[in-house]
Amino acid sequence: MEKRELTCINCPLGCALTVTLDGGEVVEVTGYTCPRGLNYAKKEVTAPARIVTSTVAVKGGALPVVPVKTASDIPKGLIFDCMSEINNVSAQAPVKQGDVLIRDVCGTGVDVIATRSVPAAG
C-alpha cells in the first residue's frame, strides 16, 4: 500500500490529508473536515487537474493583453500544451468578459475565456 500526504486547497483551512492507495485505487482518506476535502484528495491522486490562467494579446485594444482562464480545470499533464495554444492566439478588440477566445482547448472540452473586458483603443 502507498500513502500520499496532501494539503487540501479547497478552503482556507488547508487540511492535512493522507490518502492510502492500493494498486492505484484510493482505499482510505483521512484528515479532511468536509466533503470537498475528500473529493479533492481522491481526484488529486487519481486525475490531477488545474485551472490555467494567463493573458492573450489584444489587437487594437485599449490594453495590450486581456487576462484569460480555462472555464474549468483541465488535466495537469496538458498545462504546457494549453499554454502553447494560448500563446499562439490573439484577440481583436473589443473583448468582453466571458468571451470565448479558444474553444475546446487541447481537446479537453474546456474553453479559454476572457476574465476582463478590453475596449477598443481610442
N, C-alpha and C. Protein backbone atom coordinates (compact mmCIF):
# COMPACT_ATOMS: atom_id res chain seq x y z
N MET A 1 0.85 -1.19 0.00
CA MET A 1 0.00 0.00 0.00
C MET A 1 0.89 1.24 0.00
N GLU A 2 0.38 2.26 -0.69
CA GLU A 2 1.10 3.53 -0.80
C GLU A 2 0.31 4.60 -0.07
N LYS A 3 1.03 5.50 0.62
CA LYS A 3 0.39 6.63 1.29
C LYS A 3 0.93 7.92 0.71
N ARG A 4 0.03 8.87 0.46
CA ARG A 4 0.42 10.20 -0.03
C ARG A 4 -0.12 11.25 0.92
N GLU A 5 0.72 12.22 1.21
CA GLU A 5 0.34 13.35 2.07
C GLU A 5 0.02 14.55 1.18
N LEU A 6 -1.12 15.19 1.42
CA LEU A 6 -1.54 16.35 0.64
C LEU A 6 -2.03 17.44 1.59
N THR A 7 -2.05 18.65 1.10
CA THR A 7 -2.72 19.74 1.79
C THR A 7 -3.88 20.17 0.93
N CYS A 8 -5.07 20.13 1.49
CA CYS A 8 -6.27 20.49 0.74
C CYS A 8 -6.23 21.98 0.39
N ILE A 9 -6.60 22.31 -0.83
CA ILE A 9 -6.58 23.70 -1.30
C ILE A 9 -7.99 24.24 -1.59
N ASN A 10 -9.02 23.53 -1.11
CA ASN A 10 -10.38 23.95 -1.41
C ASN A 10 -10.92 25.05 -0.52
N CYS A 11 -10.30 25.29 0.63
CA CYS A 11 -10.74 26.37 1.50
C CYS A 11 -9.56 26.81 2.36
N PRO A 12 -9.70 27.88 3.11
CA PRO A 12 -8.58 28.39 3.90
C PRO A 12 -8.09 27.47 5.03
N LEU A 13 -8.85 26.45 5.39
CA LEU A 13 -8.41 25.57 6.48
C LEU A 13 -7.13 24.82 6.14
N GLY A 14 -6.95 24.44 4.88
CA GLY A 14 -5.73 23.73 4.48
C GLY A 14 -5.52 22.43 5.22
N CYS A 15 -6.53 21.61 5.26
CA CYS A 15 -6.45 20.33 5.99
C CYS A 15 -5.30 19.47 5.48
N ALA A 16 -4.60 18.81 6.41
CA ALA A 16 -3.54 17.86 6.06
C ALA A 16 -4.21 16.52 5.79
N LEU A 17 -4.14 16.08 4.55
CA LEU A 17 -4.81 14.86 4.12
C LEU A 17 -3.80 13.73 3.95
N THR A 18 -4.23 12.52 4.27
CA THR A 18 -3.44 11.33 3.99
C THR A 18 -4.30 10.41 3.14
N VAL A 19 -3.78 10.06 1.97
CA VAL A 19 -4.50 9.20 1.05
C VAL A 19 -3.77 7.86 0.97
N THR A 20 -4.50 6.78 1.20
CA THR A 20 -3.93 5.45 1.09
C THR A 20 -4.42 4.83 -0.21
N LEU A 21 -3.46 4.36 -1.01
CA LEU A 21 -3.76 3.75 -2.31
C LEU A 21 -3.34 2.29 -2.31
N ASP A 22 -4.09 1.49 -3.00
CA ASP A 22 -3.74 0.09 -3.20
C ASP A 22 -3.90 -0.19 -4.68
N GLY A 23 -2.77 -0.39 -5.36
CA GLY A 23 -2.82 -0.62 -6.80
C GLY A 23 -3.38 0.55 -7.57
N GLY A 24 -3.14 1.77 -7.11
CA GLY A 24 -3.63 2.95 -7.80
C GLY A 24 -5.05 3.33 -7.45
N GLU A 25 -5.71 2.55 -6.61
CA GLU A 25 -7.08 2.84 -6.19
C GLU A 25 -7.08 3.41 -4.79
N VAL A 26 -7.88 4.44 -4.56
CA VAL A 26 -8.00 5.05 -3.24
C VAL A 26 -8.78 4.11 -2.33
N VAL A 27 -8.16 3.74 -1.21
CA VAL A 27 -8.86 2.88 -0.25
C VAL A 27 -9.22 3.62 1.04
N GLU A 28 -8.50 4.74 1.32
CA GLU A 28 -8.82 5.50 2.53
C GLU A 28 -8.30 6.92 2.39
N VAL A 29 -9.07 7.86 2.92
CA VAL A 29 -8.64 9.26 3.01
C VAL A 29 -8.91 9.70 4.44
N THR A 30 -7.89 10.29 5.08
CA THR A 30 -8.06 10.81 6.43
C THR A 30 -7.60 12.26 6.48
N GLY A 31 -8.10 12.98 7.49
CA GLY A 31 -7.66 14.35 7.72
C GLY A 31 -8.59 15.42 7.17
N TYR A 32 -9.56 15.06 6.37
CA TYR A 32 -10.45 16.07 5.79
C TYR A 32 -11.55 16.42 6.79
N THR A 33 -12.03 17.66 6.71
CA THR A 33 -13.10 18.09 7.61
C THR A 33 -14.41 18.38 6.88
N CYS A 34 -14.39 18.26 5.54
CA CYS A 34 -15.63 18.46 4.78
C CYS A 34 -15.58 17.59 3.53
N PRO A 35 -16.72 17.41 2.88
CA PRO A 35 -16.77 16.56 1.68
C PRO A 35 -15.88 17.06 0.55
N ARG A 36 -15.66 18.39 0.49
CA ARG A 36 -14.80 18.92 -0.57
C ARG A 36 -13.38 18.41 -0.43
N GLY A 37 -12.92 18.27 0.80
CA GLY A 37 -11.58 17.74 1.05
C GLY A 37 -11.46 16.30 0.61
N LEU A 38 -12.47 15.51 0.89
CA LEU A 38 -12.48 14.11 0.47
C LEU A 38 -12.43 14.02 -1.06
N ASN A 39 -13.28 14.80 -1.73
CA ASN A 39 -13.31 14.78 -3.20
C ASN A 39 -11.99 15.26 -3.79
N TYR A 40 -11.42 16.34 -3.21
CA TYR A 40 -10.14 16.86 -3.68
C TYR A 40 -9.06 15.79 -3.59
N ALA A 41 -8.97 15.12 -2.45
CA ALA A 41 -7.93 14.11 -2.24
C ALA A 41 -8.04 12.99 -3.27
N LYS A 42 -9.23 12.48 -3.46
CA LYS A 42 -9.43 11.39 -4.43
C LYS A 42 -9.04 11.81 -5.83
N LYS A 43 -9.47 13.00 -6.23
CA LYS A 43 -9.18 13.48 -7.58
C LYS A 43 -7.70 13.79 -7.76
N GLU A 44 -7.08 14.39 -6.75
CA GLU A 44 -5.68 14.81 -6.87
C GLU A 44 -4.73 13.63 -7.04
N VAL A 45 -5.03 12.49 -6.44
CA VAL A 45 -4.12 11.34 -6.58
C VAL A 45 -4.45 10.46 -7.77
N THR A 46 -5.66 10.57 -8.33
CA THR A 46 -6.02 9.72 -9.46
C THR A 46 -6.06 10.46 -10.79
N ALA A 47 -6.48 11.72 -10.78
CA ALA A 47 -6.58 12.50 -12.03
C ALA A 47 -6.40 13.98 -11.72
N PRO A 48 -5.18 14.40 -11.38
CA PRO A 48 -4.97 15.80 -11.02
C PRO A 48 -5.31 16.75 -12.17
N ALA A 49 -5.93 17.86 -11.82
CA ALA A 49 -6.35 18.85 -12.83
C ALA A 49 -6.18 20.24 -12.24
N ARG A 50 -6.02 21.22 -13.12
CA ARG A 50 -5.83 22.60 -12.69
C ARG A 50 -6.57 23.56 -13.62
N ILE A 51 -6.95 24.72 -13.08
CA ILE A 51 -7.42 25.83 -13.91
C ILE A 51 -6.17 26.58 -14.35
N VAL A 52 -6.11 26.93 -15.62
CA VAL A 52 -4.96 27.64 -16.17
C VAL A 52 -5.34 29.11 -16.36
N THR A 53 -4.48 30.01 -15.89
CA THR A 53 -4.69 31.44 -16.09
C THR A 53 -3.50 32.01 -16.84
N SER A 54 -3.76 32.97 -17.70
CA SER A 54 -2.70 33.58 -18.50
C SER A 54 -3.23 34.89 -19.08
N THR A 55 -2.57 35.36 -20.14
CA THR A 55 -3.04 36.53 -20.89
C THR A 55 -2.96 36.24 -22.38
N VAL A 56 -3.78 36.94 -23.14
CA VAL A 56 -3.81 36.84 -24.59
C VAL A 56 -3.62 38.24 -25.16
N ALA A 57 -2.81 38.36 -26.20
CA ALA A 57 -2.59 39.65 -26.86
C ALA A 57 -3.89 40.16 -27.45
N VAL A 58 -4.09 41.49 -27.38
CA VAL A 58 -5.27 42.12 -27.95
C VAL A 58 -4.83 43.10 -29.03
N LYS A 59 -5.36 42.93 -30.23
CA LYS A 59 -5.07 43.84 -31.34
C LYS A 59 -6.08 44.98 -31.31
N GLY A 60 -5.57 46.22 -31.35
CA GLY A 60 -6.44 47.39 -31.40
C GLY A 60 -7.15 47.68 -30.10
N GLY A 61 -6.62 47.19 -29.00
CA GLY A 61 -7.28 47.38 -27.72
C GLY A 61 -6.70 48.51 -26.89
N ALA A 62 -7.48 48.98 -25.93
CA ALA A 62 -7.02 49.99 -25.00
C ALA A 62 -5.93 49.43 -24.09
N LEU A 63 -5.86 48.12 -23.98
CA LEU A 63 -4.81 47.42 -23.24
C LEU A 63 -4.14 46.43 -24.20
N PRO A 64 -2.86 46.12 -23.99
CA PRO A 64 -2.17 45.22 -24.90
C PRO A 64 -2.54 43.75 -24.75
N VAL A 65 -3.05 43.38 -23.56
CA VAL A 65 -3.42 41.98 -23.30
C VAL A 65 -4.71 41.93 -22.52
N VAL A 66 -5.35 40.76 -22.56
CA VAL A 66 -6.54 40.50 -21.76
C VAL A 66 -6.27 39.26 -20.91
N PRO A 67 -6.62 39.30 -19.62
CA PRO A 67 -6.45 38.11 -18.80
C PRO A 67 -7.46 37.04 -19.21
N VAL A 68 -7.02 35.78 -19.18
CA VAL A 68 -7.87 34.66 -19.57
C VAL A 68 -7.70 33.53 -18.57
N LYS A 69 -8.64 32.59 -18.60
CA LYS A 69 -8.54 31.37 -17.80
C LYS A 69 -9.35 30.28 -18.47
N THR A 70 -9.03 29.04 -18.10
CA THR A 70 -9.86 27.94 -18.58
C THR A 70 -11.17 27.99 -17.80
N ALA A 71 -12.26 27.68 -18.47
CA ALA A 71 -13.57 27.76 -17.84
C ALA A 71 -13.73 26.77 -16.70
N SER A 72 -12.95 25.69 -16.73
CA SER A 72 -12.90 24.72 -15.63
C SER A 72 -11.52 24.08 -15.67
N ASP A 73 -11.29 23.17 -14.76
CA ASP A 73 -9.95 22.58 -14.72
C ASP A 73 -9.71 21.62 -15.88
N ILE A 74 -8.44 21.48 -16.24
CA ILE A 74 -8.02 20.56 -17.29
C ILE A 74 -6.98 19.62 -16.69
N PRO A 75 -6.75 18.46 -17.31
CA PRO A 75 -5.73 17.56 -16.78
C PRO A 75 -4.39 18.25 -16.63
N LYS A 76 -3.76 18.03 -15.49
CA LYS A 76 -2.49 18.68 -15.17
C LYS A 76 -1.43 18.44 -16.24
N GLY A 77 -1.43 17.27 -16.84
CA GLY A 77 -0.46 16.94 -17.88
C GLY A 77 -0.61 17.73 -19.16
N LEU A 78 -1.72 18.46 -19.32
CA LEU A 78 -1.95 19.24 -20.54
C LEU A 78 -1.68 20.73 -20.35
N ILE A 79 -1.18 21.13 -19.20
CA ILE A 79 -0.98 22.56 -18.93
C ILE A 79 -0.05 23.20 -19.95
N PHE A 80 1.10 22.57 -20.25
CA PHE A 80 2.04 23.17 -21.18
C PHE A 80 1.47 23.23 -22.60
N ASP A 81 0.71 22.21 -23.02
CA ASP A 81 0.06 22.25 -24.33
C ASP A 81 -1.00 23.36 -24.37
N CYS A 82 -1.73 23.51 -23.28
CA CYS A 82 -2.73 24.57 -23.19
C CYS A 82 -2.07 25.93 -23.31
N MET A 83 -0.96 26.12 -22.58
CA MET A 83 -0.24 27.40 -22.65
C MET A 83 0.28 27.67 -24.06
N SER A 84 0.70 26.63 -24.75
CA SER A 84 1.16 26.79 -26.12
C SER A 84 0.03 27.33 -27.01
N GLU A 85 -1.16 26.76 -26.85
CA GLU A 85 -2.32 27.25 -27.62
C GLU A 85 -2.65 28.70 -27.25
N ILE A 86 -2.62 29.01 -25.97
CA ILE A 86 -2.91 30.37 -25.52
C ILE A 86 -1.90 31.35 -26.09
N ASN A 87 -0.63 30.97 -26.08
CA ASN A 87 0.43 31.86 -26.57
C ASN A 87 0.38 32.08 -28.08
N ASN A 88 -0.34 31.23 -28.80
CA ASN A 88 -0.41 31.34 -30.26
C ASN A 88 -1.69 31.97 -30.76
N VAL A 89 -2.45 32.60 -29.87
CA VAL A 89 -3.71 33.21 -30.27
C VAL A 89 -3.70 34.69 -29.87
N SER A 90 -4.46 35.49 -30.61
CA SER A 90 -4.67 36.88 -30.22
C SER A 90 -6.15 37.19 -30.40
N ALA A 91 -6.58 38.27 -29.77
CA ALA A 91 -7.99 38.68 -29.86
C ALA A 91 -8.06 40.06 -30.49
N GLN A 92 -9.15 40.32 -31.15
CA GLN A 92 -9.39 41.64 -31.73
C GLN A 92 -10.32 42.42 -30.80
N ALA A 93 -9.91 43.64 -30.45
CA ALA A 93 -10.74 44.49 -29.58
C ALA A 93 -12.01 44.89 -30.33
N PRO A 94 -13.10 45.09 -29.65
CA PRO A 94 -13.26 44.98 -28.20
C PRO A 94 -13.45 43.52 -27.76
N VAL A 95 -13.00 43.24 -26.55
CA VAL A 95 -13.16 41.91 -25.94
C VAL A 95 -14.04 42.10 -24.71
N LYS A 96 -15.05 41.25 -24.56
CA LYS A 96 -15.93 41.35 -23.40
C LYS A 96 -15.62 40.22 -22.43
N GLN A 97 -15.74 40.52 -21.14
CA GLN A 97 -15.55 39.49 -20.12
C GLN A 97 -16.48 38.32 -20.43
N GLY A 98 -15.94 37.12 -20.42
CA GLY A 98 -16.73 35.93 -20.71
C GLY A 98 -16.63 35.48 -22.16
N ASP A 99 -16.06 36.31 -23.05
CA ASP A 99 -15.88 35.90 -24.44
C ASP A 99 -15.01 34.65 -24.49
N VAL A 100 -15.38 33.71 -25.34
CA VAL A 100 -14.57 32.51 -25.55
C VAL A 100 -13.49 32.85 -26.57
N LEU A 101 -12.24 32.72 -26.16
CA LEU A 101 -11.13 33.03 -27.05
C LEU A 101 -10.53 31.76 -27.68
N ILE A 102 -10.66 30.63 -27.00
CA ILE A 102 -10.25 29.33 -27.55
C ILE A 102 -11.32 28.32 -27.15
N ARG A 103 -11.89 27.66 -28.13
CA ARG A 103 -12.88 26.61 -27.85
C ARG A 103 -12.17 25.27 -27.73
N ASP A 104 -12.60 24.47 -26.77
CA ASP A 104 -12.13 23.09 -26.62
C ASP A 104 -10.60 23.00 -26.62
N VAL A 105 -9.96 23.74 -25.72
CA VAL A 105 -8.50 23.79 -25.68
C VAL A 105 -7.93 22.38 -25.49
N CYS A 106 -7.00 22.02 -26.33
CA CYS A 106 -6.31 20.72 -26.28
C CYS A 106 -7.26 19.53 -26.30
N GLY A 107 -8.44 19.71 -26.88
CA GLY A 107 -9.39 18.60 -26.98
C GLY A 107 -10.00 18.20 -25.64
N THR A 108 -9.96 19.11 -24.66
CA THR A 108 -10.47 18.81 -23.33
C THR A 108 -11.96 19.05 -23.17
N GLY A 109 -12.55 19.78 -24.13
CA GLY A 109 -13.94 20.18 -23.99
C GLY A 109 -14.10 21.45 -23.16
N VAL A 110 -12.97 22.03 -22.72
CA VAL A 110 -12.96 23.22 -21.89
C VAL A 110 -12.54 24.43 -22.73
N ASP A 111 -13.27 25.53 -22.59
CA ASP A 111 -12.96 26.75 -23.32
C ASP A 111 -12.03 27.65 -22.51
N VAL A 112 -11.27 28.49 -23.21
CA VAL A 112 -10.47 29.55 -22.58
C VAL A 112 -11.27 30.83 -22.77
N ILE A 113 -11.56 31.51 -21.65
CA ILE A 113 -12.42 32.69 -21.68
C ILE A 113 -11.70 33.92 -21.15
N ALA A 114 -12.14 35.09 -21.63
CA ALA A 114 -11.61 36.37 -21.13
C ALA A 114 -12.19 36.62 -19.75
N THR A 115 -11.36 37.10 -18.83
CA THR A 115 -11.83 37.38 -17.48
C THR A 115 -11.98 38.88 -17.21
N ARG A 116 -11.78 39.67 -18.26
CA ARG A 116 -11.94 41.12 -18.16
C ARG A 116 -12.32 41.65 -19.54
N SER A 117 -12.99 42.77 -19.57
CA SER A 117 -13.31 43.42 -20.83
C SER A 117 -12.18 44.36 -21.23
N VAL A 118 -11.89 44.41 -22.51
CA VAL A 118 -10.89 45.35 -23.04
C VAL A 118 -11.54 46.09 -24.20
N PRO A 119 -11.79 47.41 -24.04
CA PRO A 119 -12.40 48.17 -25.12
C PRO A 119 -11.40 48.44 -26.23
N ALA A 120 -11.93 48.84 -27.36
CA ALA A 120 -11.06 49.24 -28.48
C ALA A 120 -10.32 50.52 -28.10
N ALA A 121 -9.14 50.68 -28.64
CA ALA A 121 -8.34 51.88 -28.39
C ALA A 121 -9.04 53.09 -29.00
N GLY A 122 -8.80 54.21 -28.38
CA GLY A 122 -9.30 55.43 -28.99
C GLY A 122 -10.21 56.14 -28.15
